[in-house]
C-alpha atoms as a PDB file:
ATOM      1  CA  MET A   1      -0.345   0.193   0.194  1.00  0.00           C
ATOM      2  CA  ALA A   2       1.711   3.070  -1.245  1.00  0.00           C
ATOM      3  CA  GLU A   3       2.071   6.300   1.498  1.00  0.00           C
ATOM      4  CA  ASP A   4      -1.363   8.210   0.589  1.00  0.00           C
ATOM      5  CA  SER A   5      -2.630  10.339   3.199  1.00  0.00           C
ATOM      6  CA  GLY A   6      -5.895   9.641   1.195  1.00  0.00           C
ATOM      7  CA  CYS A   7      -5.920   6.102   1.985  1.00  0.00           C
ATOM      8  CA  GLY A   8      -8.548   4.079   3.841  1.00  0.00           C
ATOM      9  CA  GLY A   9      -7.039   1.154   4.283  1.00  0.00           C
ATOM     10  CA  ASN A  10      -9.096  -1.133   1.617  1.00  0.00           C
ATOM     11  CA  CYS A  11      -6.985  -2.342  -1.271  1.00  0.00           C
ATOM     12  CA  SER A  12      -9.736  -4.518  -2.662  1.00  0.00           C
ATOM     13  CA  GLY A  13     -11.840  -1.570  -3.440  1.00  0.00           C
ATOM     14  CA  CYS A  14      -8.792   1.392  -4.359  1.00  0.00           C
ATOM     15  CA  SER A  15      -9.016   2.416  -8.023  1.00  0.00           C
ATOM     16  CA  LYS A  16      -5.651   4.406  -7.767  1.00  0.00           C
ATOM     17  CA  ASP A  17      -2.756   3.501  -9.359  1.00  0.00           C
ATOM     18  CA  GLY A  18       0.743   2.850  -7.859  1.00  0.00           C
ATOM     19  CA  CYS A  19      -0.411   1.414  -4.973  1.00  0.00           C
ATOM     20  CA  GLU A  20       0.312  -2.157  -3.852  1.00  0.00           C
ATOM     21  CA  LYS A  21      -3.383  -3.893  -3.744  1.00  0.00           C
ATOM     22  CA  ARG A  22      -2.879  -6.673  -1.488  1.00  0.00           C
ATOM     23  CA  ASP A  23      -5.652  -9.109   0.175  1.00  0.00           C
ATOM     24  CA  LEU A  24      -5.348  -8.229   3.620  1.00  0.00           C
ATOM     25  CA  HIS A  25      -7.407 -11.059   5.139  1.00  0.00           C
ATOM     26  CA  GLU A  26      -6.019 -13.407   7.280  1.00  0.00           C
ATOM     27  CA  LYS A  27      -6.443 -17.646   6.561  1.00  0.00           C
ATOM     28  CA  LEU A  28      -8.773 -20.027   8.321  1.00  0.00           C
ATOM     29  CA  HIS A  29      -7.311 -22.652  10.293  1.00  0.00           C
ATOM     30  CA  ARG A  30      -6.616 -25.779   8.178  1.00  0.00           C
ATOM     31  CA  LEU A  31      -8.897 -27.592   9.700  1.00  0.00           C
ATOM     32  CA  SER A  32     -11.785 -25.096   9.368  1.00  0.00           C
ATOM     33  CA  SER A  33     -14.078 -24.835   6.196  1.00  0.00           C
ATOM     34  CA  VAL A  34     -16.365 -21.379   5.827  1.00  0.00           C
ATOM     35  CA  LYS A  35     -18.362 -20.689   2.559  1.00  0.00           C
ATOM     36  CA  LYS A  36     -20.414 -17.394   3.742  1.00  0.00           C
ATOM     37  CA  VAL A  37     -19.637 -14.761   6.582  1.00  0.00           C
ATOM     38  CA  ILE A  38     -22.441 -12.251   7.346  1.00  0.00           C
ATOM     39  CA  ALA A  39     -21.509  -9.537   9.680  1.00  0.00           C
ATOM     40  CA  VAL A  40     -24.248  -8.125  11.662  1.00  0.00           C
ATOM     41  CA  VAL A  41     -23.385  -4.088  12.586  1.00  0.00           C
ATOM     42  CA  SER A  42     -25.168  -1.152  13.663  1.00  0.00           C
ATOM     43  CA  GLY A  43     -24.029   2.755  13.866  1.00  0.00           C
ATOM     44  CA  LYS A  44     -24.513   2.659  17.515  1.00  0.00           C
ATOM     45  CA  GLY A  45     -25.328   0.147  20.724  1.00  0.00           C
ATOM     46  CA  GLY A  46     -28.655  -0.383  22.095  1.00  0.00           C
ATOM     47  CA  VAL A  47     -30.250  -1.499  19.294  1.00  0.00           C
ATOM     48  CA  GLY A  48     -30.721  -5.509  19.887  1.00  0.00           C
ATOM     49  CA  LYS A  49     -27.865  -6.354  17.470  1.00  0.00           C
ATOM     50  CA  SER A  50     -26.517  -9.821  19.471  1.00  0.00           C
ATOM     51  CA  MET A  51     -30.286 -10.693  20.184  1.00  0.00           C
ATOM     52  CA  VAL A  52     -30.788 -10.271  15.711  1.00  0.00           C
ATOM     53  CA  THR A  53     -27.980 -12.160  15.658  1.00  0.00           C
ATOM     54  CA  SER A  54     -28.954 -15.275  17.701  1.00  0.00           C
ATOM     55  CA  LEU A  55     -32.516 -14.890  15.991  1.00  0.00           C
ATOM     56  CA  LEU A  56     -30.918 -15.381  12.775  1.00  0.00           C
ATOM     57  CA  ALA A  57     -28.447 -17.522  13.371  1.00  0.00           C
ATOM     58  CA  SER A  58     -30.920 -20.140  15.230  1.00  0.00           C
ATOM     59  CA  LYS A  59     -33.378 -19.504  12.098  1.00  0.00           C
ATOM     60  CA  ILE A  60     -30.399 -20.540   9.540  1.00  0.00           C
ATOM     61  CA  HIS A  61     -29.672 -23.613  11.460  1.00  0.00           C
ATOM     62  CA  LYS A  62     -32.940 -24.835  11.589  1.00  0.00           C
ATOM     63  CA  ASP A  63     -33.443 -25.028   8.006  1.00  0.00           C
ATOM     64  CA  GLY A  64     -30.785 -27.336   7.649  1.00  0.00           C
ATOM     65  CA  TYR A  65     -27.731 -25.195   7.364  1.00  0.00           C
ATOM     66  CA  ASN A  66     -24.309 -25.565   9.371  1.00  0.00           C
ATOM     67  CA  THR A  67     -24.445 -22.316  11.427  1.00  0.00           C
ATOM     68  CA  ALA A  68     -21.962 -20.516  13.237  1.00  0.00           C
ATOM     69  CA  ILE A  69     -21.688 -16.929  15.457  1.00  0.00           C
ATOM     70  CA  LEU A  70     -18.520 -15.529  15.733  1.00  0.00           C
ATOM     71  CA  ASP A  71     -18.773 -13.072  19.003  1.00  0.00           C
ATOM     72  CA  ALA A  72     -16.529  -9.991  17.922  1.00  0.00           C
ATOM     73  CA  ASP A  73     -18.057  -7.964  20.625  1.00  0.00           C
ATOM     74  CA  ILE A  74     -14.974  -8.778  23.279  1.00  0.00           C
ATOM     75  CA  THR A  75     -15.886  -6.272  25.793  1.00  0.00           C
ATOM     76  CA  GLY A  76     -19.244  -6.858  26.051  1.00  0.00           C
ATOM     77  CA  PRO A  77     -20.336 -10.370  24.324  1.00  0.00           C
ATOM     78  CA  SER A  78     -23.949 -11.513  25.464  1.00  0.00           C
ATOM     79  CA  ILE A  79     -24.223 -14.469  22.650  1.00  0.00           C
ATOM     80  CA  PRO A  80     -23.436 -16.887  25.165  1.00  0.00           C
ATOM     81  CA  THR A  81     -25.762 -15.372  27.584  1.00  0.00           C
ATOM     82  CA  ALA A  82     -28.643 -15.916  25.141  1.00  0.00           C
ATOM     83  CA  TYR A  83     -27.593 -19.363  24.167  1.00  0.00           C
ATOM     84  CA  GLY A  84     -27.225 -20.887  27.719  1.00  0.00           C
ATOM     85  CA  LEU A  85     -23.849 -21.736  27.687  1.00  0.00           C
ATOM     86  CA  GLU A  86     -22.747 -19.171  30.520  1.00  0.00           C
ATOM     87  CA  GLY A  87     -19.525 -21.095  32.535  1.00  0.00           C
ATOM     88  CA  GLU A  88     -19.205 -23.179  28.838  1.00  0.00           C
ATOM     89  CA  LYS A  89     -14.910 -23.236  27.985  1.00  0.00           C
ATOM     90  CA  ALA A  90     -13.493 -23.461  24.579  1.00  0.00           C
ATOM     91  CA  GLU A  91     -11.589 -26.291  24.587  1.00  0.00           C
ATOM     92  CA  ALA A  92      -7.966 -26.310  23.353  1.00  0.00           C
ATOM     93  CA  GLY A  93      -6.173 -28.316  21.470  1.00  0.00           C
ATOM     94  CA  THR A  94      -2.528 -29.238  19.884  1.00  0.00           C
ATOM     95  CA  LEU A  95      -1.407 -30.645  16.369  1.00  0.00           C
ATOM     96  CA  THR A  96       1.620 -31.359  14.800  1.00  0.00           C
ATOM     97  CA  ASN A  97       1.982 -28.889  11.306  1.00  0.00           C
ATOM     98  CA  GLU A  98       3.344 -29.473   8.332  1.00  0.00           C
ATOM     99  CA  GLU A  99       6.956 -28.410   9.463  1.00  0.00           C
ATOM    100  CA  GLY A 100       6.785 -30.737  12.454  1.00  0.00           C
ATOM    101  CA  LYS A 101       5.595 -27.410  14.701  1.00  0.00           C
ATOM    102  CA  GLN A 102       3.271 -28.263  17.468  1.00  0.00           C
ATOM    103  CA  GLU A 103       0.445 -25.654  16.720  1.00  0.00           C
ATOM    104  CA  ASP A 104      -2.374 -24.891  19.629  1.00  0.00           C
ATOM    105  CA  PHE A 105      -6.003 -24.190  18.119  1.00  0.00           C
ATOM    106  CA  LEU A 106      -9.400 -23.618  19.820  1.00  0.00           C
ATOM    107  CA  LYS A 107     -12.671 -25.665  19.502  1.00  0.00           C
ATOM    108  CA  ALA A 108     -15.717 -23.458  18.882  1.00  0.00           C
ATOM    109  CA  VAL A 109     -18.492 -24.463  21.703  1.00  0.00           C
ATOM    110  CA  LYS A 110     -21.761 -25.823  20.654  1.00  0.00           C
ATOM    111  CA  SER A 111     -24.976 -25.095  21.393  1.00  0.00           C
ATOM    112  CA  LYS A 112     -27.876 -27.940  22.429  1.00  0.00           C
ATOM    113  CA  ASN A 113     -28.849 -27.640  18.684  1.00  0.00           C
ATOM    114  CA  GLY A 114     -25.149 -27.451  17.167  1.00  0.00           C
ATOM    115  CA  VAL A 115     -24.604 -24.059  16.211  1.00  0.00           C
ATOM    116  CA  GLN A 116     -21.001 -23.549  16.233  1.00  0.00           C
ATOM    117  CA  ILE A 117     -19.829 -20.421  18.104  1.00  0.00           C
ATOM    118  CA  MET A 118     -16.785 -18.521  19.971  1.00  0.00           C
ATOM    119  CA  SER A 119     -17.134 -15.935  22.234  1.00  0.00           C
ATOM    120  CA  MET A 120     -14.473 -13.964  24.602  1.00  0.00           C
ATOM    121  CA  ASN A 121     -16.879 -15.587  27.676  1.00  0.00           C
ATOM    122  CA  PHE A 122     -15.549 -18.495  26.753  1.00  0.00           C
ATOM    123  CA  LEU A 123     -12.132 -17.917  27.673  1.00  0.00           C
ATOM    124  CA  LEU A 124     -12.466 -16.060  30.764  1.00  0.00           C
ATOM    125  CA  PRO A 125     -12.079 -17.604  34.059  1.00  0.00           C
ATOM    126  CA  ASN A 126     -15.304 -15.846  35.142  1.00  0.00           C
ATOM    127  CA  ALA A 127     -18.399 -14.578  33.188  1.00  0.00           C
ATOM    128  CA  THR A 128     -18.284 -11.412  34.911  1.00  0.00           C
ATOM    129  CA  ASP A 129     -14.329 -10.579  34.737  1.00  0.00           C
ATOM    130  CA  PRO A 130     -13.835  -7.246  32.668  1.00  0.00           C
ATOM    131  CA  VAL A 131     -11.828  -7.443  29.598  1.00  0.00           C
ATOM    132  CA  ILE A 132      -9.599  -4.142  29.849  1.00  0.00           C
ATOM    133  CA  TRP A 133      -7.911  -3.780  26.767  1.00  0.00           C
ATOM    134  CA  ARG A 134      -6.559  -1.288  24.166  1.00  0.00           C
ATOM    135  CA  GLY A 135      -7.866  -1.768  20.740  1.00  0.00           C
ATOM    136  CA  PRO A 136      -5.244  -3.043  18.826  1.00  0.00           C
ATOM    137  CA  VAL A 137      -5.317  -5.894  21.605  1.00  0.00           C
ATOM    138  CA  ILE A 138      -8.987  -6.669  20.776  1.00  0.00           C
ATOM    139  CA  SER A 139      -8.642  -6.467  17.217  1.00  0.00           C
ATOM    140  CA  GLY A 140      -6.023  -9.241  17.644  1.00  0.00           C
ATOM    141  CA  ALA A 141      -8.241 -11.128  19.563  1.00  0.00           C
ATOM    142  CA  VAL A 142     -11.043 -11.026  16.580  1.00  0.00           C
ATOM    143  CA  ARG A 143      -8.339 -11.992  14.256  1.00  0.00           C
ATOM    144  CA  GLN A 144      -7.657 -15.267  16.006  1.00  0.00           C
ATOM    145  CA  PHE A 145     -11.200 -16.163  16.624  1.00  0.00           C
ATOM    146  CA  TRP A 146     -11.037 -16.753  12.866  1.00  0.00           C
ATOM    147  CA  THR A 147      -7.426 -17.912  12.573  1.00  0.00           C
ATOM    148  CA  ASP A 148      -7.113 -20.163  15.597  1.00  0.00           C
ATOM    149  CA  VAL A 149     -10.381 -21.405  16.097  1.00  0.00           C
ATOM    150  CA  VAL A 150     -11.245 -24.729  14.160  1.00  0.00           C
ATOM    151  CA  TRP A 151     -14.611 -24.042  12.292  1.00  0.00           C
ATOM    152  CA  GLU A 152     -16.643 -27.404  11.177  1.00  0.00           C
ATOM    153  CA  ASN A 153     -17.922 -27.342   8.031  1.00  0.00           C
ATOM    154  CA  VAL A 154     -19.877 -24.032   8.093  1.00  0.00           C
ATOM    155  CA  ASP A 155     -22.635 -22.856   5.724  1.00  0.00           C
ATOM    156  CA  PHE A 156     -23.037 -19.333   6.900  1.00  0.00           C
ATOM    157  CA  MET A 157     -20.894 -17.236   9.706  1.00  0.00           C
ATOM    158  CA  LEU A 158     -22.259 -14.638  11.227  1.00  0.00           C
ATOM    159  CA  VAL A 159     -20.281 -11.683  12.848  1.00  0.00           C
ATOM    160  CA  ASP A 160     -21.731 -10.220  16.096  1.00  0.00           C
ATOM    161  CA  CYS A 161     -20.152  -6.904  15.984  1.00  0.00           C
ATOM    162  CA  PRO A 162     -19.249  -4.514  18.673  1.00  0.00           C
ATOM    163  CA  PRO A 163     -21.387  -1.031  17.532  1.00  0.00           C
ATOM    164  CA  GLY A 164     -19.588   1.657  15.811  1.00  0.00           C
ATOM    165  CA  THR A 165     -17.632   1.980  13.239  1.00  0.00           C
ATOM    166  CA  GLY A 166     -13.828   1.961  15.087  1.00  0.00           C
ATOM    167  CA  ASP A 167     -10.747  -0.751  15.427  1.00  0.00           C
ATOM    168  CA  VAL A 168     -13.076  -3.733  15.655  1.00  0.00           C
ATOM    169  CA  PRO A 169     -15.877  -3.192  12.998  1.00  0.00           C
ATOM    170  CA  LEU A 170     -12.508  -2.093  10.876  1.00  0.00           C
ATOM    171  CA  THR A 171     -10.712  -5.555  11.565  1.00  0.00           C
ATOM    172  CA  VAL A 172     -13.585  -7.374  10.923  1.00  0.00           C
ATOM    173  CA  PHE A 173     -14.169  -6.007   7.458  1.00  0.00           C
ATOM    174  CA  GLN A 174     -10.365  -5.921   6.501  1.00  0.00           C
ATOM    175  CA  SER A 175      -8.888  -9.194   8.164  1.00  0.00           C
ATOM    176  CA  ILE A 176     -12.325 -11.641   7.159  1.00  0.00           C
ATOM    177  CA  PRO A 177     -13.533 -12.225   3.864  1.00  0.00           C
ATOM    178  CA  ILE A 178     -17.395 -10.509   4.445  1.00  0.00           C
ATOM    179  CA  ASP A 179     -19.630 -11.230   2.103  1.00  0.00           C
ATOM    180  CA  GLY A 180     -22.589  -9.512   2.830  1.00  0.00           C
ATOM    181  CA  ILE A 181     -24.017  -7.293   5.778  1.00  0.00           C
ATOM    182  CA  ILE A 182     -27.148  -6.757   7.766  1.00  0.00           C
ATOM    183  CA  VAL A 183     -27.988  -3.577   9.471  1.00  0.00           C
ATOM    184  CA  VAL A 184     -29.422  -3.685  12.922  1.00  0.00           C
ATOM    185  CA  ALA A 185     -31.780  -0.529  13.839  1.00  0.00           C
ATOM    186  CA  SER A 186     -34.152   0.979  15.985  1.00  0.00           C
ATOM    187  CA  PRO A 187     -36.591   3.261  15.348  1.00  0.00           C
ATOM    188  CA  GLN A 188     -35.768   6.291  17.286  1.00  0.00           C
ATOM    189  CA  GLN A 189     -35.578   9.694  15.215  1.00  0.00           C
ATOM    190  CA  LEU A 190     -31.719   9.130  15.153  1.00  0.00           C
ATOM    191  CA  VAL A 191     -32.288   6.350  12.909  1.00  0.00           C
ATOM    192  CA  ARG A 192     -31.350   7.725   9.622  1.00  0.00           C
ATOM    193  CA  VAL A 193     -27.412   8.759  11.213  1.00  0.00           C
ATOM    194  CA  ILE A 194     -26.813   5.186  12.491  1.00  0.00           C
ATOM    195  CA  VAL A 195     -27.850   3.459   8.983  1.00  0.00           C
ATOM    196  CA  GLU A 196     -26.004   5.894   7.323  1.00  0.00           C
ATOM    197  CA  LYS A 197     -22.777   5.508   8.802  1.00  0.00           C
ATOM    198  CA  ALA A 198     -23.142   1.812   8.815  1.00  0.00           C
ATOM    199  CA  VAL A 199     -23.988   1.713   5.072  1.00  0.00           C
ATOM    200  CA  ASN A 200     -21.202   4.320   4.712  1.00  0.00           C
ATOM    201  CA  MET A 201     -18.582   1.956   5.953  1.00  0.00           C
ATOM    202  CA  ALA A 202     -19.951  -1.237   3.955  1.00  0.00           C
ATOM    203  CA  ASN A 203     -19.387   0.989   0.730  1.00  0.00           C
ATOM    204  CA  MET A 204     -15.782   2.181   1.891  1.00  0.00           C
ATOM    205  CA  MET A 205     -14.788  -1.348   2.429  1.00  0.00           C
ATOM    206  CA  ASN A 206     -16.582  -2.628  -0.677  1.00  0.00           C
ATOM    207  CA  VAL A 207     -18.929  -4.923   0.946  1.00  0.00           C
ATOM    208  CA  PRO A 208     -22.755  -5.593  -0.236  1.00  0.00           C
ATOM    209  CA  ILE A 209     -25.382  -4.691   1.923  1.00  0.00           C
ATOM    210  CA  LEU A 210     -28.222  -7.378   2.077  1.00  0.00           C
ATOM    211  CA  GLY A 211     -30.587  -5.203   4.039  1.00  0.00           C
ATOM    212  CA  LEU A 212     -32.273  -3.517   7.138  1.00  0.00           C
ATOM    213  CA  VAL A 213     -33.604  -5.099  10.568  1.00  0.00           C
ATOM    214  CA  GLU A 214     -35.588  -2.658  12.340  1.00  0.00           C
ATOM    215  CA  ASN A 215     -35.648  -3.860  15.854  1.00  0.00           C
ATOM    216  CA  MET A 216     -37.989  -2.625  18.708  1.00  0.00           C
ATOM    217  CA  SER A 217     -40.096  -1.663  15.838  1.00  0.00           C
ATOM    218  CA  TYR A 218     -43.555  -1.862  18.065  1.00  0.00           C
ATOM    219  CA  VAL A 219     -45.602  -3.230  20.787  1.00  0.00           C
ATOM    220  CA  LYS A 220     -48.863  -5.246  19.982  1.00  0.00           C
ATOM    221  CA  CYS A 221     -51.538  -4.863  22.605  1.00  0.00           C
ATOM    222  CA  PRO A 222     -52.297  -8.696  23.823  1.00  0.00           C
ATOM    223  CA  ASP A 223     -56.069  -7.564  23.720  1.00  0.00           C
ATOM    224  CA  CYS A 224     -57.168  -6.023  20.464  1.00  0.00           C
ATOM    225  CA  GLY A 225     -54.114  -6.660  18.995  1.00  0.00           C
ATOM    226  CA  LYS A 226     -53.098  -3.128  18.061  1.00  0.00           C
ATOM    227  CA  GLU A 227     -49.485  -2.573  17.111  1.00  0.00           C
ATOM    228  CA  MET A 228     -48.143   0.678  19.284  1.00  0.00           C
ATOM    229  CA  ARG A 229     -45.152   2.710  17.905  1.00  0.00           C
ATOM    230  CA  ILE A 230     -43.881   3.790  21.234  1.00  0.00           C
ATOM    231  CA  PHE A 231     -40.657   5.188  20.046  1.00  0.00           C
ATOM    232  CA  GLY A 232     -42.758   7.011  17.294  1.00  0.00           C
ATOM    233  CA  GLU A 233     -43.264   6.826  13.390  1.00  0.00           C
ATOM    234  CA  ASN A 234     -40.726   5.978  11.981  1.00  0.00           C
ATOM    235  CA  ASN A 235     -39.214   6.072   8.799  1.00  0.00           C
ATOM    236  CA  ILE A 236     -37.390   3.297   7.998  1.00  0.00           C
ATOM    237  CA  ASP A 237     -39.123   2.749   4.570  1.00  0.00           C
ATOM    238  CA  GLY A 238     -37.941   5.999   3.250  1.00  0.00           C
ATOM    239  CA  ILE A 239     -34.077   5.344   4.813  1.00  0.00           C
ATOM    240  CA  ALA A 240     -34.385   1.897   2.909  1.00  0.00           C
ATOM    241  CA  LYS A 241     -35.241   3.534  -0.254  1.00  0.00           C
ATOM    242  CA  ASP A 242     -32.920   5.957  -0.243  1.00  0.00           C
ATOM    243  CA  PHE A 243     -30.298   4.231   0.236  1.00  0.00           C
ATOM    244  CA  GLY A 244     -31.327   1.694  -2.102  1.00  0.00           C
ATOM    245  CA  ILE A 245     -31.389  -1.326   0.183  1.00  0.00           C
ATOM    246  CA  LYS A 246     -34.380  -3.630   1.636  1.00  0.00           C
ATOM    247  CA  VAL A 247     -36.032  -3.822   4.571  1.00  0.00           C
ATOM    248  CA  LEU A 248     -35.788  -7.626   6.037  1.00  0.00           C
ATOM    249  CA  SER A 249     -37.700  -7.632   9.320  1.00  0.00           C
ATOM    250  CA  ARG A 250     -39.381  -5.689  11.302  1.00  0.00           C
ATOM    251  CA  ILE A 251     -39.169  -7.335  15.187  1.00  0.00           C
ATOM    252  CA  PRO A 252     -41.432  -6.136  17.497  1.00  0.00           C
ATOM    253  CA  ILE A 253     -40.824  -6.079  21.802  1.00  0.00           C
ATOM    254  CA  GLU A 254     -42.205  -9.181  22.999  1.00  0.00           C
ATOM    255  CA  GLN A 255     -42.091 -10.387  26.220  1.00  0.00           C
ATOM    256  CA  ASN A 256     -41.465 -13.929  25.235  1.00  0.00           C
ATOM    257  CA  MET A 257     -38.170 -13.377  23.432  1.00  0.00           C
ATOM    258  CA  SER A 258     -36.487 -11.392  26.241  1.00  0.00           C
ATOM    259  CA  VAL A 259     -37.465 -13.677  28.668  1.00  0.00           C
ATOM    260  CA  ALA A 260     -35.942 -16.523  26.444  1.00  0.00           C
ATOM    261  CA  VAL A 261     -32.354 -15.002  25.942  1.00  0.00           C
ATOM    262  CA  ASP A 262     -32.385 -14.468  30.115  1.00  0.00           C
ATOM    263  CA  ASN A 263     -32.914 -17.643  30.433  1.00  0.00           C
ATOM    264  CA  GLY A 264     -30.553 -19.170  27.388  1.00  0.00           C
ATOM    265  CA  GLU A 265     -33.037 -20.329  25.625  1.00  0.00           C
ATOM    266  CA  ILE A 266     -33.039 -18.648  22.080  1.00  0.00           C
ATOM    267  CA  GLU A 267     -33.020 -21.627  20.266  1.00  0.00           C
ATOM    268  CA  THR A 268     -36.747 -22.590  21.461  1.00  0.00           C
ATOM    269  CA  LEU A 269     -38.112 -19.285  19.724  1.00  0.00           C
ATOM    270  CA  ASP A 270     -40.479 -19.824  16.802  1.00  0.00           C
ATOM    271  CA  VAL A 271     -39.626 -15.965  15.302  1.00  0.00           C
ATOM    272  CA  PRO A 272     -41.251 -15.588  11.807  1.00  0.00           C
ATOM    273  CA  TYR A 273     -40.233 -11.936  12.006  1.00  0.00           C
ATOM    274  CA  VAL A 274     -36.494 -12.864  10.720  1.00  0.00           C
ATOM    275  CA  ASN A 275     -37.637 -15.332   8.186  1.00  0.00           C
ATOM    276  CA  GLU A 276     -37.367 -12.976   5.341  1.00  0.00           C
ATOM    277  CA  ALA A 277     -33.613 -11.771   6.444  1.00  0.00           C
ATOM    278  CA  ALA A 278     -32.457 -16.007   7.123  1.00  0.00           C
ATOM    279  CA  GLU A 279     -33.840 -15.728   3.597  1.00  0.00           C
ATOM    280  CA  ALA A 280     -31.520 -13.074   2.172  1.00  0.00           C
ATOM    281  CA  VAL A 281     -28.995 -14.891   4.109  1.00  0.00           C
ATOM    282  CA  GLU A 282     -29.367 -18.289   2.657  1.00  0.00           C
ATOM    283  CA  SER A 283     -30.303 -16.921  -0.797  1.00  0.00           C
ATOM    284  CA  LEU A 284     -25.552 -16.464  -1.253  1.00  0.00           C
ATOM    285  CA  ILE A 285     -25.582 -20.067  -1.062  1.00  0.00           C
ATOM    286  CA  LYS A 286     -28.756 -20.958  -2.938  1.00  0.00           C
ATOM    287  CA  LYS A 287     -27.617 -18.618  -5.987  1.00  0.00           C
ATOM    288  CA  VAL A 288     -24.505 -20.371  -6.368  1.00  0.00           C
END
């Protein structure tokens, strides 16, 4: 990569002459196999991105695909809780490589239904231990989740990214061959700014956007069935149209979903709201 003050580090999408364009993607562990990788992102926190990731992974797995979750939210992992895997530890192993040297690796933890998961909580002595690391160390851990973990015959890997457009999302986009992203947003007034940040980052990194998921979209009255938008009327359709992307799902606030996540039983849910989003992900293989 040539010295250029205007360089954003996205060699794959750069059209400038004189640069040494390089593939910055890290290699998978030689025992791993991952066909397609989808990043689940948001321009801000608190929109339920991890829940959306878990719901999607569970749905895609139920549809007959081998599914995995790489939990890139190193300092605030919540995927293990949703799957009831608190207290689980990643199993370590050692093998001899072709050069005769010892090579360490980790095995992904499997959920009850077989979703493969790697999260920082599987490596901590206690799940409540804080991860007080600076950005470069956190980014290195994310890369190792891709390179040093054995992922077994995965059709779809979902990467649960931390919010924003900082070190870790950038590491995910540059180090892992992302086939598409799903942007998660909520109905608050700032939704346009949130979506625009995520969309602009995806475009700068030359990664296709599969669509938008609006979480906490509404609450349905249990008596009359009326949908109440407690965050006010949104403009998600207009925003999607402006950016040329689809709204894949509108997920309401439902007590059963919150209870299932808290109890580690997200795989027991049958949530039709994510069906179209799951179809959008699954089409990446169906179209091949």
